[in-house]
Amino acid sequence: MPLASRLARTGSVAAMAVIALALAACSAVVTDADRAAKQSGGGSGSAPVATAVPSFDLTTKNLAERPHTKPVAEAVKALEQSGFRPVQTGKLTVALGGAGAPPTSFFAEDDARTIIGSDPDLASLIAEGLGLEYAPENVAWADWPLGIESGKYDLALTNIGVTEERKELFDFATYRDAVMGFVVADGSAVKRIAAPKDVSGLKVVVGSGTNQEKFLLDWIAQNRKAGLPPGEAVYFDDFAAGQLALKSGRVDASILPYSLAKFQEQTAGETRVVGKFNSAYPVSGEVGTVSAKGSGLAKPVQIVIQHLIDDGTYAKVLQRWGQSEEAVRTSQLNPPGLPKP
């Protein structure tokens, strides 16, 4: 199998989760008061709880609140000196996952051509920081590797984790923690999953052949060695079937991309996130922008991202999409990533 195809397939399970969540996404927000009323059996007359989760506008109106920045002199100079030539003169052509799901990258509810989310917000800021016009392109997950390698796109932002295999063909400038979450049904007695003993005796849905499966099986093995009921990994070919099994109580927990799991918790209110871990286990991996190896684009992009981190604009992007927990303090160029299989 060609390397580009293998690189795309690495994220196929996450992509399935994105698509499934997209179909289930809604603009309504479940507040803590709603959750408390549900658990107590009360209705709209129940006493309110002071704290509420963030609200999300999933329409094109969201663009009015998108943060902006001015060209970053250091980045513009670095871009000029790099020898990089954009696909379209004066523009930064960015591959994005329009068929994804909130909060990362998805089509606006009122316009099937406008891509919004935290990745498009950051992509727009990077283009502005480089002194270029932002030119987004909707790209299927499986197509970004070949598109970047062939020069069809300048940059890809589609929740792409750094891996050692991908680094052979691409350069990364990181911008977010790569995190997976443990999810349970809203009424579950499970309150926290932070150590192997916490999955003892539980049935946990996980994608076959993924790094999160490797993580879970390691925990199960540790429980077995400690003489505890080990827990069980459960597999579904269809993501929606796994979610239905979770909500109906046939399984106890599921592992999903963290930001998507949090968004689902905050909007649908049928599940809760009770733990998280780095998806590049055993290293601490991050999500990054992707450009062609040696193109010269990665360093200027990294300079812009670090500028956005330092001046607080980056924090505004993550805050408005409920992803503050995944913030990084430093944008890195080609850091250690998920080890090769």
C-alpha atoms as a PDB file:
ATOM      1  CA  MET A   1       0.000   0.000   0.000  1.00  0.00           C
ATOM      2  CA  PRO A   2       1.377   3.484  -0.898  1.00  0.00           C
ATOM      3  CA  LEU A   3       2.654   5.489   2.060  1.00  0.00           C
ATOM      4  CA  ALA A   4       0.125   8.283   1.472  1.00  0.00           C
ATOM      5  CA  SER A   5      -2.727   5.764   1.733  1.00  0.00           C
ATOM      6  CA  ARG A   6      -1.303   4.274   4.920  1.00  0.00           C
ATOM      7  CA  LEU A   7      -0.944   7.740   6.414  1.00  0.00           C
ATOM      8  CA  ALA A   8      -4.570   8.524   5.713  1.00  0.00           C
ATOM      9  CA  ARG A   9      -5.783   5.183   7.043  1.00  0.00           C
ATOM     10  CA  THR A  10      -4.045   5.833  10.368  1.00  0.00           C
ATOM     11  CA  GLY A  11      -6.826   8.273  11.186  1.00  0.00           C
ATOM     12  CA  SER A  12      -9.756   6.411   9.661  1.00  0.00           C
ATOM     13  CA  VAL A  13     -11.362   5.529  12.998  1.00  0.00           C
ATOM     14  CA  ALA A  14     -11.176   9.125  14.176  1.00  0.00           C
ATOM     15  CA  ALA A  15     -12.630  10.206  10.854  1.00  0.00           C
ATOM     16  CA  MET A  16     -15.560   7.824  11.311  1.00  0.00           C
ATOM     17  CA  ALA A  17     -16.165   9.378  14.710  1.00  0.00           C
ATOM     18  CA  VAL A  18     -16.097  12.836  13.193  1.00  0.00           C
ATOM     19  CA  ILE A  19     -18.650  11.951  10.531  1.00  0.00           C
ATOM     20  CA  ALA A  20     -20.963  10.243  12.990  1.00  0.00           C
ATOM     21  CA  LEU A  21     -20.837  13.150  15.388  1.00  0.00           C
ATOM     22  CA  ALA A  22     -21.487  15.542  12.539  1.00  0.00           C
ATOM     23  CA  LEU A  23     -24.733  13.761  11.753  1.00  0.00           C
ATOM     24  CA  ALA A  24     -25.756  13.979  15.386  1.00  0.00           C
ATOM     25  CA  ALA A  25     -24.593  17.551  16.006  1.00  0.00           C
ATOM     26  CA  CYS A  26     -27.078  20.203  17.029  1.00  0.00           C
ATOM     27  CA  SER A  27     -27.000  23.862  18.023  1.00  0.00           C
ATOM     28  CA  ALA A  28     -28.880  23.333  21.266  1.00  0.00           C
ATOM     29  CA  VAL A  29     -26.867  23.362  24.475  1.00  0.00           C
ATOM     30  CA  VAL A  30     -27.480  21.237  27.556  1.00  0.00           C
ATOM     31  CA  THR A  31     -26.807  23.229  30.728  1.00  0.00           C
ATOM     32  CA  ASP A  32     -25.822  21.901  34.124  1.00  0.00           C
ATOM     33  CA  ALA A  33     -29.351  22.796  35.248  1.00  0.00           C
ATOM     34  CA  ASP A  34     -30.798  20.549  32.547  1.00  0.00           C
ATOM     35  CA  ARG A  35     -28.505  17.724  33.621  1.00  0.00           C
ATOM     36  CA  ALA A  36     -29.390  18.156  37.298  1.00  0.00           C
ATOM     37  CA  ALA A  37     -33.095  18.182  36.506  1.00  0.00           C
ATOM     38  CA  LYS A  38     -32.724  15.034  34.423  1.00  0.00           C
ATOM     39  CA  GLN A  39     -30.875  13.173  37.162  1.00  0.00           C
ATOM     40  CA  SER A  40     -33.333  14.277  39.854  1.00  0.00           C
ATOM     41  CA  GLY A  41     -36.369  13.506  37.753  1.00  0.00           C
ATOM     42  CA  GLY A  42     -37.393  17.161  37.680  1.00  0.00           C
ATOM     43  CA  GLY A  43     -38.534  19.202  34.736  1.00  0.00           C
ATOM     44  CA  SER A  44     -38.285  22.800  33.706  1.00  0.00           C
ATOM     45  CA  GLY A  45     -39.449  23.856  37.160  1.00  0.00           C
ATOM     46  CA  SER A  46     -36.389  22.373  38.889  1.00  0.00           C
ATOM     47  CA  ALA A  47     -34.030  24.735  40.682  1.00  0.00           C
ATOM     48  CA  PRO A  48     -31.363  26.038  38.277  1.00  0.00           C
ATOM     49  CA  VAL A  49     -27.657  25.445  38.704  1.00  0.00           C
ATOM     50  CA  ALA A  50     -25.482  28.554  38.373  1.00  0.00           C
ATOM     51  CA  THR A  51     -22.906  27.242  35.904  1.00  0.00           C
ATOM     52  CA  ALA A  52     -23.755  26.553  32.251  1.00  0.00           C
ATOM     53  CA  VAL A  53     -21.666  25.071  29.490  1.00  0.00           C
ATOM     54  CA  PRO A  54     -20.684  27.261  26.533  1.00  0.00           C
ATOM     55  CA  SER A  55     -23.110  27.838  23.679  1.00  0.00           C
ATOM     56  CA  PHE A  56     -22.102  27.266  20.080  1.00  0.00           C
ATOM     57  CA  ASP A  57     -23.377  28.963  16.933  1.00  0.00           C
ATOM     58  CA  LEU A  58     -23.015  26.427  14.131  1.00  0.00           C
ATOM     59  CA  THR A  59     -24.218  28.763  11.379  1.00  0.00           C
ATOM     60  CA  THR A  60     -22.373  31.249   9.175  1.00  0.00           C
ATOM     61  CA  LYS A  61     -23.169  33.923  11.781  1.00  0.00           C
ATOM     62  CA  ASN A  62     -20.254  32.390  13.659  1.00  0.00           C
ATOM     63  CA  LEU A  63     -17.862  34.013  11.162  1.00  0.00           C
ATOM     64  CA  ALA A  64     -18.647  37.449  12.591  1.00  0.00           C
ATOM     65  CA  GLU A  65     -16.959  36.358  15.837  1.00  0.00           C
ATOM     66  CA  ARG A  66     -13.911  34.790  14.174  1.00  0.00           C
ATOM     67  CA  PRO A  67     -10.686  36.343  15.592  1.00  0.00           C
ATOM     68  CA  HIS A  68      -8.330  38.166  13.215  1.00  0.00           C
ATOM     69  CA  THR A  69      -4.701  39.214  13.260  1.00  0.00           C
ATOM     70  CA  LYS A  70      -2.314  41.461  11.323  1.00  0.00           C
ATOM     71  CA  PRO A  71       0.672  40.165   9.325  1.00  0.00           C
ATOM     72  CA  VAL A  72       3.475  39.032  11.638  1.00  0.00           C
ATOM     73  CA  ALA A  73       6.637  40.741  10.377  1.00  0.00           C
ATOM     74  CA  GLU A  74       8.974  37.938  11.461  1.00  0.00           C
ATOM     75  CA  ALA A  75       6.805  35.296   9.777  1.00  0.00           C
ATOM     76  CA  VAL A  76       6.413  37.297   6.567  1.00  0.00           C
ATOM     77  CA  LYS A  77      10.191  37.743   6.377  1.00  0.00           C
ATOM     78  CA  ALA A  78      10.774  34.042   7.073  1.00  0.00           C
ATOM     79  CA  LEU A  79       8.297  33.136   4.334  1.00  0.00           C
ATOM     80  CA  GLU A  80      10.058  35.393   1.826  1.00  0.00           C
ATOM     81  CA  GLN A  81      13.436  33.876   2.682  1.00  0.00           C
ATOM     82  CA  SER A  82      12.177  30.270   2.625  1.00  0.00           C
ATOM     83  CA  GLY A  83      11.759  30.041  -1.124  1.00  0.00           C
ATOM     84  CA  PHE A  84       8.199  28.757  -0.624  1.00  0.00           C
ATOM     85  CA  ARG A  85       5.788  29.516  -3.456  1.00  0.00           C
ATOM     86  CA  PRO A  86       2.050  29.173  -2.721  1.00  0.00           C
ATOM     87  CA  VAL A  87      -0.211  27.147  -5.001  1.00  0.00           C
ATOM     88  CA  GLN A  88      -2.174  30.313  -5.751  1.00  0.00           C
ATOM     89  CA  THR A  89      -0.225  33.565  -5.869  1.00  0.00           C
ATOM     90  CA  GLY A  90      -0.953  35.694  -2.816  1.00  0.00           C
ATOM     91  CA  LYS A  91      -3.124  33.014  -1.207  1.00  0.00           C
ATOM     92  CA  LEU A  92      -2.692  30.236   1.346  1.00  0.00           C
ATOM     93  CA  THR A  93      -4.609  27.200   0.080  1.00  0.00           C
ATOM     94  CA  VAL A  94      -5.622  25.161   3.114  1.00  0.00           C
ATOM     95  CA  ALA A  95      -7.087  21.639   3.142  1.00  0.00           C
ATOM     96  CA  LEU A  96      -9.857  21.379   5.753  1.00  0.00           C
ATOM     97  CA  GLY A  97     -12.346  18.690   6.716  1.00  0.00           C
ATOM     98  CA  GLY A  98     -15.698  20.222   5.863  1.00  0.00           C
ATOM     99  CA  ALA A  99     -17.456  16.884   6.331  1.00  0.00           C
ATOM    100  CA  GLY A 100     -16.169  16.713   9.883  1.00  0.00           C
ATOM    101  CA  ALA A 101     -17.975  17.670  13.067  1.00  0.00           C
ATOM    102  CA  PRO A 102     -18.018  20.395  15.693  1.00  0.00           C
ATOM    103  CA  PRO A 103     -15.941  21.772  17.239  1.00  0.00           C
ATOM    104  CA  THR A 104     -12.922  21.100  15.005  1.00  0.00           C
ATOM    105  CA  SER A 105     -13.982  21.481  11.355  1.00  0.00           C
ATOM    106  CA  PHE A 106     -17.399  21.208   9.709  1.00  0.00           C
ATOM    107  CA  PHE A 107     -19.832  22.813   7.271  1.00  0.00           C
ATOM    108  CA  ALA A 108     -22.043  25.552   8.687  1.00  0.00           C
ATOM    109  CA  GLU A 109     -25.621  24.412   9.234  1.00  0.00           C
ATOM    110  CA  ASP A 110     -26.979  27.092   6.888  1.00  0.00           C
ATOM    111  CA  ASP A 111     -24.349  26.800   4.127  1.00  0.00           C
ATOM    112  CA  ALA A 112     -22.868  23.548   2.827  1.00  0.00           C
ATOM    113  CA  ARG A 113     -19.845  25.403   1.414  1.00  0.00           C
ATOM    114  CA  THR A 114     -18.668  27.424   4.422  1.00  0.00           C
ATOM    115  CA  ILE A 115     -16.335  25.530   6.768  1.00  0.00           C
ATOM    116  CA  ILE A 116     -16.238  26.686  10.372  1.00  0.00           C
ATOM    117  CA  GLY A 117     -14.671  25.382  13.588  1.00  0.00           C
ATOM    118  CA  SER A 118     -11.430  25.767  15.495  1.00  0.00           C
ATOM    119  CA  ASP A 119      -9.220  24.479  12.663  1.00  0.00           C
ATOM    120  CA  PRO A 120     -10.662  26.936  10.093  1.00  0.00           C
ATOM    121  CA  ASP A 121     -10.340  29.754  12.639  1.00  0.00           C
ATOM    122  CA  LEU A 122      -6.670  28.963  13.105  1.00  0.00           C
ATOM    123  CA  ALA A 123      -6.097  28.460   9.372  1.00  0.00           C
ATOM    124  CA  SER A 124      -7.570  31.895   8.671  1.00  0.00           C
ATOM    125  CA  LEU A 125      -5.317  33.443  11.319  1.00  0.00           C
ATOM    126  CA  ILE A 126      -2.226  31.720   9.903  1.00  0.00           C
ATOM    127  CA  ALA A 127      -2.975  33.086   6.433  1.00  0.00           C
ATOM    128  CA  GLU A 128      -3.445  36.597   7.840  1.00  0.00           C
ATOM    129  CA  GLY A 129      -0.255  36.279   9.895  1.00  0.00           C
ATOM    130  CA  LEU A 130       1.672  35.351   6.742  1.00  0.00           C
ATOM    131  CA  GLY A 131       0.201  38.286   4.827  1.00  0.00           C
ATOM    132  CA  LEU A 132      -1.732  35.965   2.494  1.00  0.00           C
ATOM    133  CA  GLU A 133      -5.382  35.582   1.548  1.00  0.00           C
ATOM    134  CA  TYR A 134      -7.122  32.648   3.204  1.00  0.00           C
ATOM    135  CA  ALA A 135      -8.278  30.076   0.606  1.00  0.00           C
ATOM    136  CA  PRO A 136     -10.009  27.092   2.292  1.00  0.00           C
ATOM    137  CA  GLU A 137     -10.651  23.820   0.451  1.00  0.00           C
ATOM    138  CA  ASN A 138     -12.937  21.013   1.580  1.00  0.00           C
ATOM    139  CA  VAL A 139     -10.916  17.769   1.533  1.00  0.00           C
ATOM    140  CA  ALA A 140     -11.824  14.206   2.514  1.00  0.00           C
ATOM    141  CA  TRP A 141      -9.579  12.785   5.232  1.00  0.00           C
ATOM    142  CA  ALA A 142      -8.107  10.174   2.903  1.00  0.00           C
ATOM    143  CA  ASP A 143      -7.106  12.815   0.350  1.00  0.00           C
ATOM    144  CA  TRP A 144      -5.024  15.315   2.320  1.00  0.00           C
ATOM    145  CA  PRO A 145      -1.697  13.376   2.198  1.00  0.00           C
ATOM    146  CA  LEU A 146      -1.583  13.119  -1.592  1.00  0.00           C
ATOM    147  CA  GLY A 147      -2.948  16.654  -1.948  1.00  0.00           C
ATOM    148  CA  ILE A 148      -0.111  18.101   0.141  1.00  0.00           C
ATOM    149  CA  GLU A 149       2.552  15.871  -1.405  1.00  0.00           C
ATOM    150  CA  SER A 150       1.473  16.710  -4.968  1.00  0.00           C
ATOM    151  CA  GLY A 151       1.297  20.444  -4.338  1.00  0.00           C
ATOM    152  CA  LYS A 152      -2.467  20.787  -4.675  1.00  0.00           C
ATOM    153  CA  TYR A 153      -2.688  22.377  -1.216  1.00  0.00           C
ATOM    154  CA  ASP A 154      -0.172  24.494   0.696  1.00  0.00           C
ATOM    155  CA  LEU A 155      -1.250  23.450   4.171  1.00  0.00           C
ATOM    156  CA  ALA A 156      -3.582  20.950   5.856  1.00  0.00           C
ATOM    157  CA  LEU A 157      -5.429  21.481   9.119  1.00  0.00           C
ATOM    158  CA  THR A 158      -7.772  18.607   9.732  1.00  0.00           C
ATOM    159  CA  ASN A 159      -6.991  17.425  13.263  1.00  0.00           C
ATOM    160  CA  ILE A 160      -3.825  15.649  12.073  1.00  0.00           C
ATOM    161  CA  GLY A 161      -1.708  14.091  14.812  1.00  0.00           C
ATOM    162  CA  VAL A 162       2.083  13.994  14.522  1.00  0.00           C
ATOM    163  CA  THR A 163       3.396  10.505  13.749  1.00  0.00           C
ATOM    164  CA  GLU A 164       6.900   9.345  12.924  1.00  0.00           C
ATOM    165  CA  GLU A 165       5.638   7.810   9.682  1.00  0.00           C
ATOM    166  CA  ARG A 166       3.962  11.038   8.539  1.00  0.00           C
ATOM    167  CA  LYS A 167       7.112  13.015   9.309  1.00  0.00           C
ATOM    168  CA  GLU A 168       8.891  11.164   6.513  1.00  0.00           C
ATOM    169  CA  LEU A 169       6.803  13.074   3.946  1.00  0.00           C
ATOM    170  CA  PHE A 170       5.509  16.127   5.800  1.00  0.00           C
ATOM    171  CA  ASP A 171       6.547  18.952   8.116  1.00  0.00           C
ATOM    172  CA  PHE A 172       4.463  19.766  11.196  1.00  0.00           C
ATOM    173  CA  ALA A 173       3.945  22.947  13.196  1.00  0.00           C
ATOM    174  CA  THR A 174       1.915  21.932  16.244  1.00  0.00           C
ATOM    175  CA  TYR A 175      -1.011  23.805  17.720  1.00  0.00           C
ATOM    176  CA  ARG A 176      -3.019  21.522  20.003  1.00  0.00           C
ATOM    177  CA  ASP A 177      -2.666  18.552  22.330  1.00  0.00           C
ATOM    178  CA  ALA A 178      -3.566  15.180  20.784  1.00  0.00           C
ATOM    179  CA  VAL A 179      -6.037  13.785  23.291  1.00  0.00           C
ATOM    180  CA  MET A 180      -8.539  10.934  23.470  1.00  0.00           C
ATOM    181  CA  GLY A 181     -11.358  10.777  26.005  1.00  0.00           C
ATOM    182  CA  PHE A 182     -13.129   8.075  27.998  1.00  0.00           C
ATOM    183  CA  VAL A 183     -16.886   8.557  27.583  1.00  0.00           C
ATOM    184  CA  VAL A 184     -19.765   7.059  29.569  1.00  0.00           C
ATOM    185  CA  ALA A 185     -23.541   7.383  29.362  1.00  0.00           C
ATOM    186  CA  ASP A 186     -24.877  10.368  31.279  1.00  0.00           C
ATOM    187  CA  GLY A 187     -26.552   8.197  33.914  1.00  0.00           C
ATOM    188  CA  SER A 188     -23.532   5.915  34.425  1.00  0.00           C
ATOM    189  CA  ALA A 189     -22.186   5.229  37.901  1.00  0.00           C
ATOM    190  CA  VAL A 190     -18.644   5.578  36.516  1.00  0.00           C
ATOM    191  CA  LYS A 191     -17.336   8.990  37.553  1.00  0.00           C
ATOM    192  CA  ARG A 192     -13.644   8.834  36.657  1.00  0.00           C
ATOM    193  CA  ILE A 193     -11.281   6.771  34.508  1.00  0.00           C
ATOM    194  CA  ALA A 194      -7.675   7.735  35.172  1.00  0.00           C
ATOM    195  CA  ALA A 195      -5.822   4.485  35.870  1.00  0.00           C
ATOM    196  CA  PRO A 196      -5.938   0.807  34.850  1.00  0.00           C
ATOM    197  CA  LYS A 197      -7.999  -0.159  37.891  1.00  0.00           C
ATOM    198  CA  ASP A 198     -10.744   2.223  36.721  1.00  0.00           C
ATOM    199  CA  VAL A 199     -11.528   0.007  33.714  1.00  0.00           C
ATOM    200  CA  SER A 200     -11.485  -3.176  35.795  1.00  0.00           C
ATOM    201  CA  GLY A 201     -14.633  -5.137  34.961  1.00  0.00           C
ATOM    202  CA  LEU A 202     -15.788  -2.597  32.367  1.00  0.00           C
ATOM    203  CA  LYS A 203     -16.659  -3.154  28.713  1.00  0.00           C
ATOM    204  CA  VAL A 204     -14.977  -0.401  26.705  1.00  0.00           C
ATOM    205  CA  VAL A 205     -15.645   0.341  23.028  1.00  0.00           C
ATOM    206  CA  VAL A 206     -12.453   1.026  21.063  1.00  0.00           C
ATOM    207  CA  GLY A 207     -11.397   1.042  17.418  1.00  0.00           C
ATOM    208  CA  SER A 208      -9.553  -2.047  16.238  1.00  0.00           C
ATOM    209  CA  GLY A 209      -5.957  -1.480  15.173  1.00  0.00           C
ATOM    210  CA  THR A 210      -5.777   2.017  16.669  1.00  0.00           C
ATOM    211  CA  ASN A 211      -3.286   3.435  19.136  1.00  0.00           C
ATOM    212  CA  GLN A 212      -6.070   3.858  21.664  1.00  0.00           C
ATOM    213  CA  GLU A 213      -6.679   0.106  21.431  1.00  0.00           C
ATOM    214  CA  LYS A 214      -3.014  -0.418  22.284  1.00  0.00           C
ATOM    215  CA  PHE A 215      -3.432   1.905  25.274  1.00  0.00           C
ATOM    216  CA  LEU A 216      -6.557   0.114  26.528  1.00  0.00           C
ATOM    217  CA  LEU A 217      -5.123  -3.393  26.081  1.00  0.00           C
ATOM    218  CA  ASP A 218      -2.065  -2.341  28.087  1.00  0.00           C
ATOM    219  CA  TRP A 219      -4.324  -1.273  30.955  1.00  0.00           C
ATOM    220  CA  ILE A 220      -6.278  -4.529  30.719  1.00  0.00           C
ATOM    221  CA  ALA A 221      -3.019  -6.491  30.890  1.00  0.00           C
ATOM    222  CA  GLN A 222      -1.946  -4.516  33.964  1.00  0.00           C
ATOM    223  CA  ASN A 223      -5.232  -5.361  35.698  1.00  0.00           C
ATOM    224  CA  ARG A 224      -4.836  -9.030  34.861  1.00  0.00           C
ATOM    225  CA  LYS A 225      -1.300  -9.009  36.281  1.00  0.00           C
ATOM    226  CA  ALA A 226      -2.574  -7.315  39.454  1.00  0.00           C
ATOM    227  CA  GLY A 227      -5.251  -9.979  39.917  1.00  0.00           C
ATOM    228  CA  LEU A 228      -8.138  -7.645  39.128  1.00  0.00           C
ATOM    229  CA  PRO A 229     -11.010  -8.296  36.743  1.00  0.00           C
ATOM    230  CA  PRO A 230      -9.203  -7.079  33.637  1.00  0.00           C
ATOM    231  CA  GLY A 231     -11.931  -5.312  31.702  1.00  0.00           C
ATOM    232  CA  GLU A 232     -12.865  -5.988  28.093  1.00  0.00           C
ATOM    233  CA  ALA A 233     -12.241  -4.232  24.789  1.00  0.00           C
ATOM    234  CA  VAL A 234     -15.384  -4.207  22.635  1.00  0.00           C
ATOM    235  CA  TYR A 235     -15.377  -3.598  18.883  1.00  0.00           C
ATOM    236  CA  PHE A 236     -18.029  -2.298  16.482  1.00  0.00           C
ATOM    237  CA  ASP A 237     -17.642  -1.892  12.727  1.00  0.00           C
ATOM    238  CA  ASP A 238     -20.179   0.920  12.843  1.00  0.00           C
ATOM    239  CA  PHE A 239     -19.507   3.925  15.087  1.00  0.00           C
ATOM    240  CA  ALA A 240     -23.195   4.694  15.595  1.00  0.00           C
ATOM    241  CA  ALA A 241     -23.782   1.125  16.805  1.00  0.00           C
ATOM    242  CA  GLY A 242     -21.072   1.585  19.419  1.00  0.00           C
ATOM    243  CA  GLN A 243     -22.662   4.816  20.620  1.00  0.00           C
ATOM    244  CA  LEU A 244     -26.074   3.139  20.830  1.00  0.00           C
ATOM    245  CA  ALA A 245     -24.557   0.292  22.862  1.00  0.00           C
ATOM    246  CA  LEU A 246     -23.080   2.859  25.248  1.00  0.00           C
ATOM    247  CA  LYS A 247     -26.307   4.804  25.727  1.00  0.00           C
ATOM    248  CA  SER A 248     -28.359   1.615  26.161  1.00  0.00           C
ATOM    249  CA  GLY A 249     -26.013   0.217  28.815  1.00  0.00           C
ATOM    250  CA  ARG A 250     -24.748  -2.788  26.836  1.00  0.00           C
ATOM    251  CA  VAL A 251     -21.210  -1.424  27.246  1.00  0.00           C
ATOM    252  CA  ASP A 252     -19.799   0.751  30.007  1.00  0.00           C
ATOM    253  CA  ALA A 253     -17.526   3.219  28.236  1.00  0.00           C
ATOM    254  CA  SER A 254     -16.146   4.303  24.879  1.00  0.00           C
ATOM    255  CA  ILE A 255     -12.964   6.004  23.683  1.00  0.00           C
ATOM    256  CA  LEU A 256     -13.432   9.016  21.379  1.00  0.00           C
ATOM    257  CA  PRO A 257     -11.421  12.044  20.241  1.00  0.00           C
ATOM    258  CA  TYR A 258     -11.525  14.303  23.292  1.00  0.00           C
ATOM    259  CA  SER A 259     -12.707  17.577  21.757  1.00  0.00           C
ATOM    260  CA  LEU A 260     -15.523  15.822  19.893  1.00  0.00           C
ATOM    261  CA  ALA A 261     -16.534  13.912  23.011  1.00  0.00           C
ATOM    262  CA  LYS A 262     -16.682  17.150  25.015  1.00  0.00           C
ATOM    263  CA  PHE A 263     -18.775  18.845  22.346  1.00  0.00           C
ATOM    264  CA  GLN A 264     -21.175  15.903  22.285  1.00  0.00           C
ATOM    265  CA  GLU A 265     -21.433  16.100  26.081  1.00  0.00           C
ATOM    266  CA  GLN A 266     -22.169  19.811  26.000  1.00  0.00           C
ATOM    267  CA  THR A 267     -24.752  19.714  23.222  1.00  0.00           C
ATOM    268  CA  ALA A 268     -26.609  16.390  23.259  1.00  0.00           C
ATOM    269  CA  GLY A 269     -26.199  15.784  26.981  1.00  0.00           C
ATOM    270  CA  GLU A 270     -26.475  12.003  26.698  1.00  0.00           C
ATOM    271  CA  THR A 271     -22.829  11.218  27.495  1.00  0.00           C
ATOM    272  CA  ARG A 272     -20.101  12.441  29.857  1.00  0.00           C
ATOM    273  CA  VAL A 273     -16.316  12.581  29.514  1.00  0.00           C
ATOM    274  CA  VAL A 274     -14.739  10.955  32.586  1.00  0.00           C
ATOM    275  CA  GLY A 275     -11.068  10.763  31.616  1.00  0.00           C
ATOM    276  CA  LYS A 276      -8.503  11.500  28.933  1.00  0.00           C
ATOM    277  CA  PHE A 277      -5.086  10.379  27.706  1.00  0.00           C
ATOM    278  CA  ASN A 278      -2.643  11.370  25.003  1.00  0.00           C
ATOM    279  CA  SER A 279      -3.430   9.671  21.708  1.00  0.00           C
ATOM    280  CA  ALA A 280       0.255   9.265  20.802  1.00  0.00           C
ATOM    281  CA  TYR A 281       0.962   7.037  23.812  1.00  0.00           C
ATOM    282  CA  PRO A 282       3.694   6.254  24.852  1.00  0.00           C
ATOM    283  CA  VAL A 283       4.919   9.719  23.772  1.00  0.00           C
ATOM    284  CA  SER A 284       3.096  12.998  24.444  1.00  0.00           C
ATOM    285  CA  GLY A 285       1.927  13.836  20.939  1.00  0.00           C
ATOM    286  CA  GLU A 286       0.314  16.927  19.468  1.00  0.00           C
ATOM    287  CA  VAL A 287      -1.890  17.920  16.529  1.00  0.00           C
ATOM    288  CA  GLY A 288      -0.206  20.020  13.874  1.00  0.00           C
ATOM    289  CA  THR A 289      -0.486  21.869  10.603  1.00  0.00           C
ATOM    290  CA  VAL A 290       0.932  19.813   7.744  1.00  0.00           C
ATOM    291  CA  SER A 291       3.012  21.061   4.798  1.00  0.00           C
ATOM    292  CA  ALA A 292       5.174  19.278   2.235  1.00  0.00           C
ATOM    293  CA  LYS A 293       8.540  18.114   3.524  1.00  0.00           C
ATOM    294  CA  GLY A 294      11.201  20.752   2.966  1.00  0.00           C
ATOM    295  CA  SER A 295       8.803  23.245   1.343  1.00  0.00           C
ATOM    296  CA  GLY A 296       9.882  25.988   3.719  1.00  0.00           C
ATOM    297  CA  LEU A 297       6.342  26.728   4.913  1.00  0.00           C
ATOM    298  CA  ALA A 298       6.422  25.041   8.316  1.00  0.00           C
ATOM    299  CA  LYS A 299       8.749  27.518  10.044  1.00  0.00           C
ATOM    300  CA  PRO A 300       6.820  30.678   9.048  1.00  0.00           C
ATOM    301  CA  VAL A 301       3.594  28.942  10.111  1.00  0.00           C
ATOM    302  CA  GLN A 302       5.159  28.007  13.444  1.00  0.00           C
ATOM    303  CA  ILE A 303       6.182  31.636  13.987  1.00  0.00           C
ATOM    304  CA  VAL A 304       2.600  32.797  13.400  1.00  0.00           C
ATOM    305  CA  ILE A 305       1.132  30.164  15.731  1.00  0.00           C
ATOM    306  CA  GLN A 306       3.583  31.093  18.496  1.00  0.00           C
ATOM    307  CA  HIS A 307       2.705  34.764  18.010  1.00  0.00           C
ATOM    308  CA  LEU A 308      -0.997  33.893  18.381  1.00  0.00           C
ATOM    309  CA  ILE A 309      -0.229  31.915  21.533  1.00  0.00           C
ATOM    310  CA  ASP A 310       1.791  34.761  23.032  1.00  0.00           C
ATOM    311  CA  ASP A 311      -0.738  37.532  22.303  1.00  0.00           C
ATOM    312  CA  GLY A 312      -3.787  35.571  23.508  1.00  0.00           C
ATOM    313  CA  THR A 313      -5.568  35.189  20.164  1.00  0.00           C
ATOM    314  CA  TYR A 314      -4.956  31.430  20.180  1.00  0.00           C
ATOM    315  CA  ALA A 315      -6.621  31.127  23.591  1.00  0.00           C
ATOM    316  CA  LYS A 316      -9.683  32.961  22.252  1.00  0.00           C
ATOM    317  CA  VAL A 317     -10.030  30.430  19.423  1.00  0.00           C
ATOM    318  CA  LEU A 318      -9.902  27.437  21.749  1.00  0.00           C
ATOM    319  CA  GLN A 319     -12.166  29.070  24.315  1.00  0.00           C
ATOM    320  CA  ARG A 320     -14.889  29.844  21.809  1.00  0.00           C
ATOM    321  CA  TRP A 321     -14.935  26.197  20.695  1.00  0.00           C
ATOM    322  CA  GLY A 322     -14.653  24.655  24.168  1.00  0.00           C
ATOM    323  CA  GLN A 323     -11.134  23.295  23.595  1.00  0.00           C
ATOM    324  CA  SER A 324      -9.130  25.228  26.199  1.00  0.00           C
ATOM    325  CA  GLU A 325      -8.075  21.996  27.904  1.00  0.00           C
ATOM    326  CA  GLU A 326      -6.132  21.049  24.748  1.00  0.00           C
ATOM    327  CA  ALA A 327      -4.060  24.232  24.598  1.00  0.00           C
ATOM    328  CA  VAL A 328      -0.281  24.099  24.156  1.00  0.00           C
ATOM    329  CA  ARG A 329       2.177  26.766  25.311  1.00  0.00           C
ATOM    330  CA  THR A 330       4.649  26.294  22.484  1.00  0.00           C
ATOM    331  CA  SER A 331       4.238  25.489  18.802  1.00  0.00           C
ATOM    332  CA  GLN A 332       6.833  22.860  17.881  1.00  0.00           C
ATOM    333  CA  LEU A 333       8.404  21.953  14.562  1.00  0.00           C
ATOM    334  CA  ASN A 334       8.327  18.205  13.884  1.00  0.00           C
ATOM    335  CA  PRO A 335       8.320  17.023  17.532  1.00  0.00           C
ATOM    336  CA  PRO A 336       8.343  13.324  18.482  1.00  0.00           C
ATOM    337  CA  GLY A 337       5.099  11.681  17.386  1.00  0.00           C
ATOM    338  CA  LEU A 338       3.300   8.375  17.453  1.00  0.00           C
ATOM    339  CA  PRO A 339       5.954   5.669  16.936  1.00  0.00           C
ATOM    340  CA  LYS A 340       5.891   3.543  13.793  1.00  0.00           C
ATOM    341  CA  PRO A 341       3.913   0.282  14.076  1.00  0.00           C
END
